[in-house]
Amino acid sequence: MELSSNQIMFIVFSAVIVMFSILTVTSRRILRAATFLLFVLVATSGIYFMLQYQFLAAVQLTLYAGGIVVLIIFSILLTSHISQKFEPIGWKKSVFGAIASILGIVVCVTSILQYKFQATTQAAQEVNMKVIGKSLMNYGENGFVLPFELISVLLLAAMVAAIIIAKKSKKA
């Protein structure tokens, strides 16, 4: 069986996502975990580009990989916890984590295998960027400005609160 270049790239992106996801949750250093998360998010945008979802890929890169990870890294640097090491995980947490992971894999695989995927004969619809842009900037029905602004304020408040709490605990 010969693999096409798209299949090879999908395998590479998938392997990067799985490998760095595992490294993200198992790393004991917080800055390394944030860096591994960045690689996961960039590889996810690579899959979006492969699927020709350029808008989603751009949002993934700018908002998540560019914004959230930089915010996480700056908050780590501002709170002076760059050298912080998480405590080793006990065997009980490891066993329960493994059980939860295996159950999640079983649920995902059975859901995928039970779903009847059918090819469509309809041509792909062209994505109209003007419609997407107007929806993002609209505050009325089917608009996304209000939820976006609420989430922005919530993230800002959470980050300010985390920095204040971290600075207070350092002085005490």
N, C-alpha and C. Protein backbone atom coordinates (compact mmCIF):
# COMPACT_ATOMS: atom_id res chain seq x y z
N MET A 1 0.84 -1.19 0.00
CA MET A 1 0.00 0.00 0.00
C MET A 1 0.88 1.24 0.00
N GLU A 2 0.66 2.09 -0.97
CA GLU A 2 1.45 3.30 -1.09
C GLU A 2 0.69 4.47 -0.49
N LEU A 3 1.36 5.24 0.33
CA LEU A 3 0.74 6.38 1.00
C LEU A 3 0.92 7.64 0.17
N SER A 4 -0.12 8.45 0.12
CA SER A 4 -0.01 9.73 -0.57
C SER A 4 0.68 10.74 0.36
N SER A 5 1.04 11.87 -0.21
CA SER A 5 1.71 12.89 0.61
C SER A 5 0.77 13.44 1.68
N ASN A 6 -0.53 13.54 1.37
CA ASN A 6 -1.49 13.99 2.38
C ASN A 6 -1.59 13.01 3.54
N GLN A 7 -1.58 11.73 3.25
CA GLN A 7 -1.64 10.73 4.31
C GLN A 7 -0.38 10.77 5.16
N ILE A 8 0.76 10.95 4.53
CA ILE A 8 2.02 11.04 5.29
C ILE A 8 2.01 12.26 6.20
N MET A 9 1.55 13.40 5.68
CA MET A 9 1.51 14.61 6.50
C MET A 9 0.50 14.45 7.65
N PHE A 10 -0.62 13.80 7.39
CA PHE A 10 -1.59 13.56 8.45
C PHE A 10 -0.99 12.69 9.55
N ILE A 11 -0.26 11.66 9.15
CA ILE A 11 0.40 10.78 10.13
C ILE A 11 1.43 11.57 10.93
N VAL A 12 2.19 12.43 10.26
CA VAL A 12 3.20 13.23 10.95
C VAL A 12 2.54 14.19 11.94
N PHE A 13 1.52 14.93 11.48
CA PHE A 13 0.82 15.86 12.38
C PHE A 13 0.17 15.13 13.54
N SER A 14 -0.44 13.99 13.26
CA SER A 14 -1.09 13.21 14.33
C SER A 14 -0.07 12.72 15.35
N ALA A 15 1.07 12.25 14.87
CA ALA A 15 2.12 11.77 15.78
C ALA A 15 2.65 12.92 16.64
N VAL A 16 2.83 14.09 16.03
CA VAL A 16 3.29 15.25 16.79
C VAL A 16 2.26 15.64 17.85
N ILE A 17 0.98 15.63 17.49
CA ILE A 17 -0.07 15.99 18.44
C ILE A 17 -0.10 15.00 19.60
N VAL A 18 -0.07 13.71 19.30
CA VAL A 18 -0.13 12.70 20.37
C VAL A 18 1.11 12.79 21.25
N MET A 19 2.29 12.87 20.63
CA MET A 19 3.54 12.88 21.40
C MET A 19 3.63 14.11 22.32
N PHE A 20 3.37 15.29 21.75
CA PHE A 20 3.49 16.49 22.56
C PHE A 20 2.34 16.66 23.55
N SER A 21 1.17 16.07 23.26
CA SER A 21 0.09 16.08 24.24
C SER A 21 0.48 15.28 25.48
N ILE A 22 1.08 14.13 25.24
CA ILE A 22 1.54 13.31 26.37
C ILE A 22 2.64 14.04 27.13
N LEU A 23 3.56 14.67 26.41
CA LEU A 23 4.63 15.43 27.08
C LEU A 23 4.06 16.62 27.86
N THR A 24 3.00 17.23 27.34
CA THR A 24 2.39 18.38 28.03
C THR A 24 1.86 17.98 29.40
N VAL A 25 1.16 16.86 29.46
CA VAL A 25 0.54 16.48 30.73
C VAL A 25 1.48 15.72 31.65
N THR A 26 2.60 15.22 31.14
CA THR A 26 3.52 14.48 32.00
C THR A 26 4.75 15.29 32.39
N SER A 27 4.95 16.44 31.79
CA SER A 27 6.12 17.26 32.12
C SER A 27 5.98 17.81 33.54
N ARG A 28 7.09 17.81 34.26
CA ARG A 28 7.06 18.33 35.63
C ARG A 28 7.46 19.79 35.68
N ARG A 29 7.95 20.32 34.58
CA ARG A 29 8.31 21.75 34.53
C ARG A 29 7.23 22.51 33.77
N ILE A 30 6.74 23.58 34.38
CA ILE A 30 5.58 24.29 33.86
C ILE A 30 5.88 25.00 32.54
N LEU A 31 7.07 25.57 32.37
CA LEU A 31 7.40 26.26 31.13
C LEU A 31 7.53 25.27 29.98
N ARG A 32 8.10 24.11 30.26
CA ARG A 32 8.19 23.07 29.22
C ARG A 32 6.80 22.60 28.81
N ALA A 33 5.90 22.45 29.77
CA ALA A 33 4.53 22.02 29.46
C ALA A 33 3.85 23.04 28.55
N ALA A 34 4.05 24.32 28.81
CA ALA A 34 3.47 25.37 27.96
C ALA A 34 4.08 25.32 26.55
N THR A 35 5.37 25.04 26.45
CA THR A 35 6.01 24.94 25.15
C THR A 35 5.51 23.72 24.39
N PHE A 36 5.33 22.60 25.08
CA PHE A 36 4.79 21.41 24.43
C PHE A 36 3.36 21.67 23.94
N LEU A 37 2.58 22.42 24.72
CA LEU A 37 1.23 22.77 24.31
C LEU A 37 1.25 23.61 23.03
N LEU A 38 2.23 24.48 22.90
CA LEU A 38 2.38 25.28 21.69
C LEU A 38 2.57 24.37 20.47
N PHE A 39 3.40 23.34 20.59
CA PHE A 39 3.61 22.42 19.47
C PHE A 39 2.33 21.67 19.10
N VAL A 40 1.53 21.31 20.11
CA VAL A 40 0.25 20.63 19.85
C VAL A 40 -0.67 21.55 19.05
N LEU A 41 -0.76 22.80 19.46
CA LEU A 41 -1.66 23.74 18.80
C LEU A 41 -1.21 24.06 17.38
N VAL A 42 0.09 24.16 17.15
CA VAL A 42 0.60 24.42 15.81
C VAL A 42 0.35 23.22 14.90
N ALA A 43 0.55 22.01 15.40
CA ALA A 43 0.28 20.81 14.59
C ALA A 43 -1.21 20.69 14.28
N THR A 44 -2.06 21.09 15.21
CA THR A 44 -3.50 21.08 14.95
C THR A 44 -3.84 22.05 13.83
N SER A 45 -3.21 23.20 13.81
CA SER A 45 -3.46 24.14 12.70
C SER A 45 -2.93 23.56 11.39
N GLY A 46 -1.88 22.75 11.44
CA GLY A 46 -1.40 22.08 10.24
C GLY A 46 -2.44 21.14 9.65
N ILE A 47 -3.15 20.44 10.51
CA ILE A 47 -4.23 19.56 10.04
C ILE A 47 -5.35 20.39 9.43
N TYR A 48 -5.66 21.53 10.05
CA TYR A 48 -6.68 22.41 9.47
C TYR A 48 -6.27 22.90 8.08
N PHE A 49 -4.99 23.25 7.91
CA PHE A 49 -4.51 23.66 6.60
C PHE A 49 -4.63 22.52 5.59
N MET A 50 -4.33 21.30 6.02
CA MET A 50 -4.47 20.15 5.13
C MET A 50 -5.91 19.96 4.68
N LEU A 51 -6.86 20.21 5.56
CA LEU A 51 -8.27 20.06 5.23
C LEU A 51 -8.80 21.27 4.46
N GLN A 52 -7.92 22.22 4.19
CA GLN A 52 -8.25 23.46 3.48
C GLN A 52 -9.25 24.32 4.25
N TYR A 53 -9.12 24.29 5.58
CA TYR A 53 -9.88 25.18 6.45
C TYR A 53 -8.94 26.31 6.88
N GLN A 54 -8.61 27.18 5.93
CA GLN A 54 -7.61 28.21 6.19
C GLN A 54 -8.05 29.15 7.30
N PHE A 55 -9.34 29.45 7.38
CA PHE A 55 -9.80 30.37 8.42
C PHE A 55 -9.61 29.76 9.80
N LEU A 56 -10.02 28.49 9.96
CA LEU A 56 -9.83 27.82 11.26
C LEU A 56 -8.34 27.71 11.60
N ALA A 57 -7.53 27.42 10.60
CA ALA A 57 -6.09 27.31 10.84
C ALA A 57 -5.51 28.65 11.29
N ALA A 58 -5.95 29.72 10.65
CA ALA A 58 -5.47 31.05 11.03
C ALA A 58 -5.91 31.41 12.44
N VAL A 59 -7.17 31.08 12.78
CA VAL A 59 -7.66 31.33 14.14
C VAL A 59 -6.88 30.50 15.15
N GLN A 60 -6.62 29.25 14.80
CA GLN A 60 -5.85 28.36 15.68
C GLN A 60 -4.46 28.94 15.95
N LEU A 61 -3.80 29.41 14.90
CA LEU A 61 -2.45 29.96 15.07
C LEU A 61 -2.45 31.27 15.82
N THR A 62 -3.34 32.18 15.45
CA THR A 62 -3.30 33.50 16.07
C THR A 62 -3.88 33.52 17.47
N LEU A 63 -5.04 32.90 17.63
CA LEU A 63 -5.72 32.98 18.92
C LEU A 63 -5.13 32.03 19.94
N TYR A 64 -5.01 30.77 19.59
CA TYR A 64 -4.56 29.78 20.56
C TYR A 64 -3.04 29.72 20.64
N ALA A 65 -2.39 29.39 19.53
CA ALA A 65 -0.94 29.26 19.57
C ALA A 65 -0.27 30.60 19.84
N GLY A 66 -0.80 31.66 19.23
CA GLY A 66 -0.19 32.97 19.41
C GLY A 66 -0.60 33.67 20.67
N GLY A 67 -1.88 33.63 20.99
CA GLY A 67 -2.38 34.41 22.12
C GLY A 67 -2.38 33.70 23.44
N ILE A 68 -3.04 32.57 23.51
CA ILE A 68 -3.21 31.89 24.79
C ILE A 68 -1.87 31.37 25.33
N VAL A 69 -1.08 30.74 24.46
CA VAL A 69 0.20 30.20 24.94
C VAL A 69 1.14 31.31 25.37
N VAL A 70 1.17 32.41 24.61
CA VAL A 70 2.01 33.54 25.02
C VAL A 70 1.52 34.10 26.35
N LEU A 71 0.21 34.17 26.53
CA LEU A 71 -0.36 34.63 27.80
C LEU A 71 0.05 33.71 28.95
N ILE A 72 0.00 32.41 28.71
CA ILE A 72 0.42 31.44 29.74
C ILE A 72 1.90 31.61 30.07
N ILE A 73 2.73 31.73 29.04
CA ILE A 73 4.17 31.86 29.28
C ILE A 73 4.49 33.16 29.99
N PHE A 74 3.85 34.27 29.59
CA PHE A 74 4.08 35.54 30.30
C PHE A 74 3.63 35.46 31.74
N SER A 75 2.51 34.81 32.01
CA SER A 75 2.06 34.70 33.40
C SER A 75 3.02 33.85 34.22
N ILE A 76 3.61 32.83 33.60
CA ILE A 76 4.62 32.03 34.30
C ILE A 76 5.84 32.88 34.61
N LEU A 77 6.28 33.67 33.63
CA LEU A 77 7.46 34.50 33.84
C LEU A 77 7.19 35.63 34.83
N LEU A 78 5.98 36.22 34.80
CA LEU A 78 5.65 37.31 35.71
C LEU A 78 5.54 36.84 37.15
N THR A 79 5.11 35.63 37.36
CA THR A 79 4.95 35.14 38.72
C THR A 79 6.22 34.48 39.25
N SER A 80 7.27 34.49 38.48
CA SER A 80 8.57 33.96 38.89
C SER A 80 8.51 32.49 39.27
N HIS A 81 7.70 31.72 38.59
CA HIS A 81 7.65 30.28 38.83
C HIS A 81 8.28 29.50 37.68
N ILE A 82 9.24 30.10 37.01
CA ILE A 82 9.82 29.48 35.83
C ILE A 82 10.57 28.20 36.19
N SER A 83 11.16 28.15 37.37
CA SER A 83 11.92 26.95 37.75
C SER A 83 11.09 25.99 38.59
N GLN A 84 9.79 26.28 38.73
CA GLN A 84 8.94 25.43 39.55
C GLN A 84 8.81 24.05 38.93
N LYS A 85 8.93 23.05 39.78
CA LYS A 85 8.75 21.67 39.37
C LYS A 85 7.52 21.13 40.08
N PHE A 86 6.66 20.46 39.33
CA PHE A 86 5.51 19.83 39.96
C PHE A 86 5.97 18.61 40.73
N GLU A 87 5.23 18.28 41.79
CA GLU A 87 5.58 17.11 42.58
C GLU A 87 5.30 15.84 41.77
N PRO A 88 6.04 14.79 42.03
CA PRO A 88 5.79 13.53 41.31
C PRO A 88 4.38 13.02 41.59
N ILE A 89 3.79 12.43 40.59
CA ILE A 89 2.43 11.92 40.71
C ILE A 89 2.48 10.56 41.41
N GLY A 90 1.61 10.37 42.38
CA GLY A 90 1.54 9.10 43.09
C GLY A 90 0.96 8.00 42.23
N TRP A 91 1.10 6.78 42.68
CA TRP A 91 0.65 5.63 41.88
C TRP A 91 -0.87 5.60 41.77
N LYS A 92 -1.59 6.09 42.80
CA LYS A 92 -3.06 6.09 42.74
C LYS A 92 -3.55 7.02 41.62
N LYS A 93 -2.99 8.22 41.56
CA LYS A 93 -3.38 9.15 40.50
C LYS A 93 -3.01 8.60 39.13
N SER A 94 -1.88 7.94 39.02
CA SER A 94 -1.46 7.36 37.75
C SER A 94 -2.42 6.27 37.29
N VAL A 95 -2.83 5.41 38.23
CA VAL A 95 -3.76 4.33 37.88
C VAL A 95 -5.11 4.90 37.46
N PHE A 96 -5.65 5.84 38.24
CA PHE A 96 -6.93 6.43 37.88
C PHE A 96 -6.85 7.22 36.58
N GLY A 97 -5.74 7.89 36.35
CA GLY A 97 -5.54 8.61 35.09
C GLY A 97 -5.48 7.66 33.91
N ALA A 98 -4.80 6.53 34.08
CA ALA A 98 -4.73 5.53 33.01
C ALA A 98 -6.11 4.93 32.73
N ILE A 99 -6.86 4.64 33.79
CA ILE A 99 -8.21 4.10 33.60
C ILE A 99 -9.10 5.10 32.87
N ALA A 100 -9.05 6.37 33.26
CA ALA A 100 -9.85 7.40 32.60
C ALA A 100 -9.44 7.55 31.13
N SER A 101 -8.15 7.48 30.85
CA SER A 101 -7.66 7.59 29.47
C SER A 101 -8.14 6.41 28.64
N ILE A 102 -8.05 5.22 29.19
CA ILE A 102 -8.48 4.03 28.44
C ILE A 102 -9.98 4.08 28.18
N LEU A 103 -10.76 4.50 29.18
CA LEU A 103 -12.21 4.64 28.98
C LEU A 103 -12.52 5.69 27.91
N GLY A 104 -11.79 6.79 27.92
CA GLY A 104 -11.99 7.82 26.90
C GLY A 104 -11.66 7.31 25.50
N ILE A 105 -10.59 6.53 25.39
CA ILE A 105 -10.22 5.96 24.10
C ILE A 105 -11.28 4.98 23.63
N VAL A 106 -11.79 4.15 24.53
CA VAL A 106 -12.83 3.18 24.16
C VAL A 106 -14.09 3.89 23.69
N VAL A 107 -14.51 4.94 24.38
CA VAL A 107 -15.70 5.69 23.99
C VAL A 107 -15.50 6.33 22.61
N CYS A 108 -14.34 6.94 22.39
CA CYS A 108 -14.08 7.59 21.10
C CYS A 108 -14.04 6.58 19.96
N VAL A 109 -13.33 5.47 20.15
CA VAL A 109 -13.20 4.47 19.08
C VAL A 109 -14.55 3.84 18.77
N THR A 110 -15.32 3.47 19.80
CA THR A 110 -16.62 2.86 19.53
C THR A 110 -17.58 3.86 18.87
N SER A 111 -17.51 5.13 19.25
CA SER A 111 -18.36 6.14 18.61
C SER A 111 -18.01 6.29 17.13
N ILE A 112 -16.73 6.32 16.84
CA ILE A 112 -16.29 6.46 15.45
C ILE A 112 -16.66 5.23 14.63
N LEU A 113 -16.47 4.05 15.20
CA LEU A 113 -16.76 2.83 14.46
C LEU A 113 -18.25 2.61 14.25
N GLN A 114 -19.09 3.09 15.15
CA GLN A 114 -20.53 2.89 15.02
C GLN A 114 -21.19 3.91 14.09
N TYR A 115 -20.52 5.02 13.83
CA TYR A 115 -21.10 6.05 12.97
C TYR A 115 -20.96 5.61 11.52
N LYS A 116 -22.03 5.78 10.76
CA LYS A 116 -22.02 5.41 9.35
C LYS A 116 -21.58 6.63 8.52
N PHE A 117 -20.32 6.65 8.16
CA PHE A 117 -19.80 7.73 7.32
C PHE A 117 -20.22 7.48 5.88
N GLN A 118 -20.77 8.51 5.24
CA GLN A 118 -21.21 8.37 3.87
C GLN A 118 -20.62 9.50 3.04
N ALA A 119 -20.14 9.13 1.87
CA ALA A 119 -19.61 10.13 0.96
C ALA A 119 -20.78 10.90 0.36
N THR A 120 -20.57 12.16 0.11
CA THR A 120 -21.61 12.99 -0.48
C THR A 120 -21.31 13.24 -1.94
N THR A 121 -22.33 13.46 -2.68
CA THR A 121 -22.14 13.76 -4.10
C THR A 121 -22.17 15.26 -4.35
N GLN A 122 -22.48 16.04 -3.32
CA GLN A 122 -22.54 17.48 -3.46
C GLN A 122 -21.14 18.06 -3.53
N ALA A 123 -20.98 19.08 -4.32
CA ALA A 123 -19.70 19.78 -4.42
C ALA A 123 -19.49 20.60 -3.15
N ALA A 124 -18.24 20.78 -2.79
CA ALA A 124 -17.92 21.57 -1.61
C ALA A 124 -18.34 23.02 -1.84
N GLN A 125 -18.92 23.61 -0.82
CA GLN A 125 -19.34 25.00 -0.94
C GLN A 125 -18.17 25.92 -0.68
N GLU A 126 -18.13 26.99 -1.42
CA GLU A 126 -17.05 27.95 -1.26
C GLU A 126 -17.27 28.75 0.03
N VAL A 127 -16.21 28.96 0.76
CA VAL A 127 -16.29 29.73 2.00
C VAL A 127 -16.24 31.20 1.64
N ASN A 128 -17.24 31.92 2.08
CA ASN A 128 -17.32 33.34 1.81
C ASN A 128 -16.78 34.11 3.01
N MET A 129 -15.63 34.68 2.86
CA MET A 129 -14.97 35.36 3.97
C MET A 129 -15.72 36.62 4.41
N LYS A 130 -16.45 37.23 3.49
CA LYS A 130 -17.22 38.41 3.88
C LYS A 130 -18.33 38.03 4.86
N VAL A 131 -18.97 36.89 4.62
CA VAL A 131 -20.03 36.44 5.52
C VAL A 131 -19.45 36.10 6.89
N ILE A 132 -18.30 35.43 6.91
CA ILE A 132 -17.65 35.08 8.17
C ILE A 132 -17.24 36.35 8.91
N GLY A 133 -16.65 37.30 8.20
CA GLY A 133 -16.23 38.55 8.82
C GLY A 133 -17.40 39.34 9.39
N LYS A 134 -18.50 39.40 8.65
CA LYS A 134 -19.68 40.12 9.14
C LYS A 134 -20.28 39.42 10.36
N SER A 135 -20.25 38.08 10.38
CA SER A 135 -20.75 37.35 11.55
C SER A 135 -19.88 37.61 12.77
N LEU A 136 -18.58 37.67 12.56
CA LEU A 136 -17.68 37.92 13.69
C LEU A 136 -17.84 39.33 14.24
N MET A 137 -18.14 40.28 13.38
CA MET A 137 -18.26 41.68 13.80
C MET A 137 -19.68 42.08 14.16
N ASN A 138 -20.64 41.18 13.97
CA ASN A 138 -22.04 41.49 14.21
C ASN A 138 -22.38 41.27 15.69
N TYR A 139 -23.16 42.15 16.25
CA TYR A 139 -23.60 41.98 17.63
C TYR A 139 -25.05 41.55 17.72
N GLY A 140 -25.72 41.42 16.59
CA GLY A 140 -27.13 41.02 16.57
C GLY A 140 -27.26 39.51 16.51
N GLU A 141 -28.30 39.06 15.81
CA GLU A 141 -28.55 37.63 15.68
C GLU A 141 -27.42 36.98 14.88
N ASN A 142 -26.96 35.83 15.33
CA ASN A 142 -25.85 35.08 14.72
C ASN A 142 -24.54 35.87 14.74
N GLY A 143 -24.42 36.81 15.64
CA GLY A 143 -23.19 37.59 15.78
C GLY A 143 -22.33 37.04 16.90
N PHE A 144 -21.03 37.30 16.82
CA PHE A 144 -20.11 36.73 17.79
C PHE A 144 -19.31 37.78 18.56
N VAL A 145 -19.64 39.05 18.42
CA VAL A 145 -18.86 40.08 19.11
C VAL A 145 -19.06 39.99 20.62
N LEU A 146 -20.30 39.88 21.07
CA LEU A 146 -20.56 39.85 22.51
C LEU A 146 -19.91 38.65 23.20
N PRO A 147 -20.08 37.41 22.70
CA PRO A 147 -19.40 36.28 23.36
C PRO A 147 -17.88 36.43 23.35
N PHE A 148 -17.34 36.93 22.24
CA PHE A 148 -15.90 37.11 22.15
C PHE A 148 -15.40 38.12 23.18
N GLU A 149 -16.11 39.22 23.32
CA GLU A 149 -15.70 40.24 24.29
C GLU A 149 -15.86 39.75 25.72
N LEU A 150 -16.92 39.00 26.00
CA LEU A 150 -17.11 38.46 27.34
C LEU A 150 -15.98 37.49 27.71
N ILE A 151 -15.61 36.64 26.77
CA ILE A 151 -14.52 35.70 27.03
C ILE A 151 -13.20 36.45 27.20
N SER A 152 -13.00 37.50 26.42
CA SER A 152 -11.77 38.30 26.55
C SER A 152 -11.67 38.93 27.94
N VAL A 153 -12.77 39.51 28.41
CA VAL A 153 -12.77 40.13 29.74
C VAL A 153 -12.57 39.07 30.82
N LEU A 154 -13.22 37.92 30.66
CA LEU A 154 -13.07 36.83 31.63
C LEU A 154 -11.63 36.34 31.69
N LEU A 155 -10.99 36.15 30.53
CA LEU A 155 -9.58 35.72 30.53
C LEU A 155 -8.67 36.77 31.15
N LEU A 156 -8.92 38.02 30.86
CA LEU A 156 -8.11 39.09 31.45
C LEU A 156 -8.27 39.12 32.96
N ALA A 157 -9.51 39.01 33.45
CA ALA A 157 -9.75 39.02 34.89
C ALA A 157 -9.10 37.81 35.56
N ALA A 158 -9.19 36.65 34.93
CA ALA A 158 -8.57 35.45 35.50
C ALA A 158 -7.05 35.59 35.55
N MET A 159 -6.46 36.17 34.52
CA MET A 159 -5.00 36.32 34.50
C MET A 159 -4.54 37.33 35.55
N VAL A 160 -5.25 38.44 35.68
CA VAL A 160 -4.90 39.44 36.69
C VAL A 160 -5.04 38.84 38.08
N ALA A 161 -6.12 38.12 38.32
CA ALA A 161 -6.32 37.49 39.62
C ALA A 161 -5.23 36.47 39.92
N ALA A 162 -4.84 35.68 38.92
CA ALA A 162 -3.79 34.68 39.13
C ALA A 162 -2.46 35.34 39.46
N ILE A 163 -2.15 36.44 38.80
CA ILE A 163 -0.90 37.14 39.07
C ILE A 163 -0.92 37.77 40.47
N ILE A 164 -2.05 38.34 40.85
CA ILE A 164 -2.15 38.94 42.19
C ILE A 164 -2.01 37.87 43.27
N ILE A 165 -2.68 36.75 43.08
CA ILE A 165 -2.59 35.65 44.06
C ILE A 165 -1.17 35.11 44.14
N ALA A 166 -0.52 34.97 42.98
CA ALA A 166 0.86 34.44 42.97
C ALA A 166 1.82 35.43 43.63
N LYS A 167 1.65 36.70 43.41
CA LYS A 167 2.52 37.69 44.03
C LYS A 167 2.30 37.77 45.54
N LYS A 168 1.04 37.66 46.00
CA LYS A 168 0.75 37.68 47.44
C LYS A 168 1.35 36.47 48.14
N SER A 169 1.25 35.29 47.53
CA SER A 169 1.78 34.10 48.18
C SER A 169 3.29 34.12 48.23
N LYS A 170 3.92 34.82 47.31
CA LYS A 170 5.38 34.91 47.30
C LYS A 170 5.87 35.77 48.47
N LYS A 171 5.13 36.85 48.81
CA LYS A 171 5.52 37.74 49.90
C LYS A 171 5.30 37.10 51.26
N ALA A 172 4.32 36.24 51.37
CA ALA A 172 3.96 35.66 52.66
C ALA A 172 4.93 34.63 53.13
